[in-house]
Amino acid sequence: MEQPLKHSLDLDKLAQGFGLSKEETIKFLNDGRIVGRLGEFIFANKIGGNRAKSEGSSYDIDGANGERIEVRSITHGISFASSKEVGYGRHVTESGYSEKINSLDLFVGIDFRNLSELVFHKITKDDLIKIEQIGILRKNKSVCSNKIYEYLKNKS
């Protein structure tokens, strides 16, 4: 089984570059939105891909072989729903989920529990089918962090 990609962050140098204390830097980076955005750049660089041409694109990265890749942080969980269906007053639908899944080739989940080493897990469409079959994919098309980490550990 393919091992996840890893990327080290030197938190002391980042803190120095940001002009913040190491503790403030950790607090800043300990946010799924920030790590997700950073992860898009890091993962694209590691695989020889490019960030999607438009922020409005249905995916984040154009892979070197034309793959369409969506990067998501694993915070309290990970969502596989379309971002346009997630948030206050919005509802995840089966058709929106299918549209999202059909618009890309791969999800990448970022484990940032240890900010010094980001771990990039590839989550395929086959994985999503298995996740649904074993009953850990919620109605809102998300999986809680403990269950996704357990799945990913058993997968490798």
Protein backbone atom coordinates (compact mmCIF):
# COMPACT_ATOMS: atom_id res chain seq x y z
CA MET A 1 0.00 0.00 0.00
CA GLU A 2 1.22 3.48 -0.85
CA GLN A 3 2.57 5.41 2.13
CA PRO A 4 1.23 8.92 2.78
CA LEU A 5 3.38 11.88 1.80
CA LYS A 6 4.92 13.82 4.68
CA HIS A 7 6.18 17.38 4.94
CA SER A 8 8.19 18.84 7.81
CA LEU A 9 7.64 22.35 9.11
CA ASP A 10 10.35 24.10 11.12
CA LEU A 11 8.13 25.88 13.62
CA ASP A 12 11.03 27.87 15.08
CA LYS A 13 11.97 29.30 11.68
CA LEU A 14 8.31 29.94 10.81
CA ALA A 15 7.84 31.81 14.09
CA GLN A 16 10.92 33.88 13.35
CA GLY A 17 9.70 34.59 9.81
CA PHE A 18 6.23 35.55 11.03
CA GLY A 19 7.69 37.69 13.80
CA LEU A 20 5.64 35.74 16.36
CA SER A 21 6.46 33.49 19.27
CA LYS A 22 6.50 29.76 18.59
CA GLU A 23 3.32 29.42 20.68
CA GLU A 24 1.53 32.11 18.63
CA THR A 25 2.70 30.45 15.41
CA ILE A 26 1.31 27.10 16.56
CA LYS A 27 -2.02 28.74 17.45
CA PHE A 28 -2.12 30.41 14.03
CA LEU A 29 -1.33 27.21 12.13
CA ASN A 30 -3.64 25.06 14.25
CA ASP A 31 -6.59 25.98 12.02
CA GLY A 32 -7.93 23.71 9.30
CA ARG A 33 -8.55 26.58 6.88
CA ILE A 34 -4.96 27.78 7.09
CA VAL A 35 -3.40 24.31 6.97
CA GLY A 36 -5.72 23.38 4.09
CA ARG A 37 -4.61 26.33 2.01
CA LEU A 38 -0.94 25.76 2.88
CA GLY A 39 -1.41 22.07 2.13
CA GLU A 40 -2.66 22.83 -1.38
CA PHE A 41 0.65 24.51 -2.22
CA ILE A 42 2.79 21.88 -0.49
CA PHE A 43 1.00 18.89 -2.04
CA ALA A 44 1.00 20.40 -5.53
CA ASN A 45 4.73 21.02 -5.20
CA LYS A 46 5.42 17.48 -3.95
CA ILE A 47 3.57 15.79 -6.81
CA GLY A 48 4.69 18.14 -9.57
CA GLY A 49 1.19 19.55 -10.02
CA ASN A 50 -0.24 23.05 -10.02
CA ARG A 51 -2.96 24.76 -8.07
CA ALA A 52 -6.18 24.95 -10.06
CA LYS A 53 -6.37 28.01 -12.30
CA SER A 54 -9.46 29.40 -10.58
CA GLU A 55 -10.43 29.76 -6.92
CA GLY A 56 -13.96 28.89 -8.06
CA SER A 57 -12.82 25.54 -9.43
CA SER A 58 -14.48 22.39 -8.08
CA TYR A 59 -11.03 21.09 -7.07
CA ASP A 60 -7.74 22.51 -5.76
CA ILE A 61 -4.91 20.93 -7.75
CA ASP A 62 -4.25 19.87 -11.31
CA GLY A 63 -2.02 16.81 -10.92
CA ALA A 64 0.96 16.17 -13.17
CA ASN A 65 -1.05 13.50 -15.03
CA GLY A 66 -4.22 15.58 -15.26
CA GLU A 67 -5.76 14.38 -11.99
CA ARG A 68 -8.23 16.70 -10.30
CA ILE A 69 -7.38 16.76 -6.60
CA GLU A 70 -9.26 18.25 -3.65
CA VAL A 71 -7.29 18.96 -0.45
CA ARG A 72 -9.10 18.90 2.90
CA SER A 73 -7.81 19.31 6.46
CA ILE A 74 -8.77 16.72 9.02
CA THR A 75 -9.93 18.83 11.96
CA HIS A 76 -12.71 17.36 14.14
CA GLY A 77 -13.48 15.37 11.02
CA ILE A 78 -13.26 15.57 7.26
CA SER A 79 -16.04 16.51 4.88
CA PHE A 80 -16.39 15.10 1.39
CA ALA A 81 -19.38 17.30 0.54
CA SER A 82 -19.31 20.19 -1.88
CA SER A 83 -18.25 23.36 -0.05
CA LYS A 84 -21.25 25.15 -1.55
CA GLU A 85 -23.48 22.80 0.50
CA VAL A 86 -21.60 23.13 3.79
CA GLY A 87 -22.26 25.91 6.29
CA TYR A 88 -25.00 27.68 8.15
CA GLY A 89 -28.36 27.41 6.42
CA ARG A 90 -27.08 24.99 3.78
CA HIS A 91 -27.82 21.29 3.40
CA VAL A 92 -25.78 18.49 1.90
CA THR A 93 -27.68 16.62 -0.79
CA GLU A 94 -27.01 13.30 -2.51
CA SER A 95 -26.98 15.05 -5.88
CA GLY A 96 -24.50 17.67 -4.64
CA TYR A 97 -22.29 14.94 -3.19
CA SER A 98 -22.38 12.97 -6.45
CA GLU A 99 -21.57 16.11 -8.42
CA LYS A 100 -18.59 16.80 -6.14
CA ILE A 101 -17.28 13.23 -6.38
CA ASN A 102 -17.66 13.24 -10.18
CA SER A 103 -15.80 16.56 -10.48
CA LEU A 104 -12.52 15.18 -9.13
CA ASP A 105 -10.27 12.14 -9.06
CA LEU A 106 -8.88 12.20 -5.53
CA PHE A 107 -9.28 13.73 -2.10
CA VAL A 108 -6.21 14.40 0.04
CA GLY A 109 -6.73 14.62 3.80
CA ILE A 110 -4.13 16.49 5.84
CA ASP A 111 -3.31 15.16 9.31
CA PHE A 112 -1.88 18.11 11.21
CA ARG A 113 -2.10 16.79 14.77
CA ASN A 114 1.69 17.19 14.82
CA LEU A 115 2.28 20.56 13.17
CA SER A 116 5.98 19.78 12.77
CA GLU A 117 5.10 17.05 10.27
CA LEU A 118 2.07 17.33 8.00
CA VAL A 119 0.85 13.99 6.67
CA PHE A 120 -1.02 13.88 3.35
CA HIS A 121 -3.38 10.90 2.98
CA LYS A 122 -4.78 10.05 -0.44
CA ILE A 123 -8.47 9.15 -0.23
CA THR A 124 -9.75 7.60 -3.44
CA LYS A 125 -13.28 7.14 -4.72
CA ASP A 126 -12.92 3.45 -3.79
CA ASP A 127 -12.07 4.55 -0.25
CA LEU A 128 -15.26 6.65 -0.15
CA ILE A 129 -17.30 3.61 -1.19
CA LYS A 130 -15.66 1.53 1.58
CA ILE A 131 -16.17 4.32 4.13
CA GLU A 132 -19.85 4.41 3.23
CA GLN A 133 -20.16 0.60 3.30
CA ILE A 134 -18.64 0.30 6.77
CA GLY A 135 -21.05 2.95 8.02
CA ILE A 136 -18.75 5.77 9.10
CA LEU A 137 -19.80 8.28 6.43
CA ARG A 138 -22.44 10.50 8.01
CA LYS A 139 -25.53 11.86 6.23
CA ASN A 140 -23.69 15.17 5.81
CA LYS A 141 -20.92 13.25 3.95
CA SER A 142 -18.32 13.72 6.66
CA VAL A 143 -16.37 11.34 8.89
CA CYS A 144 -15.26 12.20 12.44
CA SER A 145 -11.50 12.44 12.92
CA ASN A 146 -11.09 9.36 15.12
CA LYS A 147 -12.88 7.16 12.59
CA ILE A 148 -11.05 8.51 9.53
CA TYR A 149 -7.67 8.13 11.27
CA GLU A 150 -8.58 4.54 12.20
CA TYR A 151 -9.65 3.83 8.61
CA LEU A 152 -6.46 5.34 7.19
CA LYS A 153 -4.27 3.42 9.68
CA ASN A 154 -5.91 0.11 8.70
CA LYS A 155 -5.72 0.99 5.00
CA SER A 156 -1.92 1.26 4.99
